[in-house]
Amino acid sequence: MTMPSDRLTTLEIRAAEQEKIIDELSGQIAEQWKVIERMQRKLDALTNRFLALEEQAAPDVPVTKPPHW
């Protein structure tokens, strides 16, 4: 039969291990969030660049009926 002090020590060890894991996961989430923000800024810049190029490449074409009409 385990003694109460052994059970308490086991619980303290588990709590310390869980706290360490939670801190590590929190750090990983923070790093991933930075990556996501950086990727979002790049996507926004590429979208703006694409729209600007699209506006330059497509001249205003008048809407007319095709020749076979």
Protein backbone atom coordinates (compact mmCIF):
# COMPACT_ATOMS: atom_id res chain seq x y z
CA MET A 1 0.00 0.00 0.00
CA THR A 2 1.34 3.44 -0.94
CA MET A 3 1.88 6.03 1.69
CA PRO A 4 0.12 9.42 1.46
CA SER A 5 3.47 11.19 1.14
CA ASP A 6 4.35 8.97 -1.85
CA ARG A 7 1.05 9.84 -3.50
CA LEU A 8 1.63 13.53 -2.87
CA THR A 9 5.14 13.35 -4.33
CA THR A 10 3.81 11.54 -7.42
CA LEU A 11 1.12 14.19 -7.90
CA GLU A 12 3.66 17.01 -7.52
CA ILE A 13 5.92 15.39 -10.13
CA ARG A 14 3.01 15.00 -12.54
CA ALA A 15 1.93 18.61 -12.02
CA ALA A 16 5.48 19.85 -12.67
CA GLU A 17 5.75 17.76 -15.85
CA GLN A 18 2.38 19.01 -17.09
CA GLU A 19 3.36 22.61 -16.38
CA LYS A 20 6.56 22.15 -18.39
CA ILE A 21 4.65 20.63 -21.31
CA ILE A 22 2.08 23.45 -21.22
CA ASP A 23 4.89 26.04 -21.32
CA GLU A 24 6.51 24.26 -24.30
CA LEU A 25 3.20 24.08 -26.17
CA SER A 26 2.52 27.75 -25.45
CA GLY A 27 5.91 28.65 -26.93
CA GLN A 28 5.22 26.57 -30.03
CA ILE A 29 1.84 28.23 -30.50
CA ALA A 30 3.43 31.67 -30.21
CA GLU A 31 6.03 30.76 -32.86
CA GLN A 32 3.36 29.36 -35.18
CA TRP A 33 1.31 32.54 -34.76
CA LYS A 34 4.32 34.61 -35.84
CA VAL A 35 4.70 32.42 -38.93
CA ILE A 36 1.00 32.77 -39.75
CA GLU A 37 1.15 36.56 -39.42
CA ARG A 38 4.24 36.71 -41.65
CA MET A 39 2.56 34.51 -44.26
CA GLN A 40 -0.58 36.67 -44.14
CA ARG A 41 1.47 39.82 -44.80
CA LYS A 42 3.16 38.10 -47.75
CA LEU A 43 -0.18 36.93 -49.12
CA ASP A 44 -1.62 40.44 -48.84
CA ALA A 45 1.42 41.90 -50.63
CA LEU A 46 1.21 39.29 -53.41
CA THR A 47 -2.53 39.89 -53.80
CA ASN A 48 -1.98 43.63 -54.15
CA ARG A 49 0.84 43.04 -56.62
CA PHE A 50 -1.28 40.65 -58.67
CA LEU A 51 -4.20 43.09 -58.80
CA ALA A 52 -1.88 45.91 -59.89
CA LEU A 53 -0.38 43.77 -62.65
CA GLU A 54 -3.82 42.64 -63.74
CA GLU A 55 -4.96 46.26 -64.04
CA GLN A 56 -1.89 47.14 -66.11
CA ALA A 57 -2.17 44.14 -68.42
CA ALA A 58 -5.87 44.35 -69.22
CA PRO A 59 -6.63 47.43 -71.27
CA ASP A 60 -10.17 48.71 -71.26
CA VAL A 61 -11.89 46.60 -73.89
CA PRO A 62 -15.16 48.04 -75.11
CA VAL A 63 -18.15 45.76 -74.85
CA THR A 64 -19.26 44.99 -78.38
CA LYS A 65 -21.13 42.20 -80.06
CA PRO A 66 -19.00 39.46 -81.58
CA PRO A 67 -18.58 39.69 -85.39
CA HIS A 68 -20.91 36.75 -86.07
CA TRP A 69 -23.95 38.59 -84.62
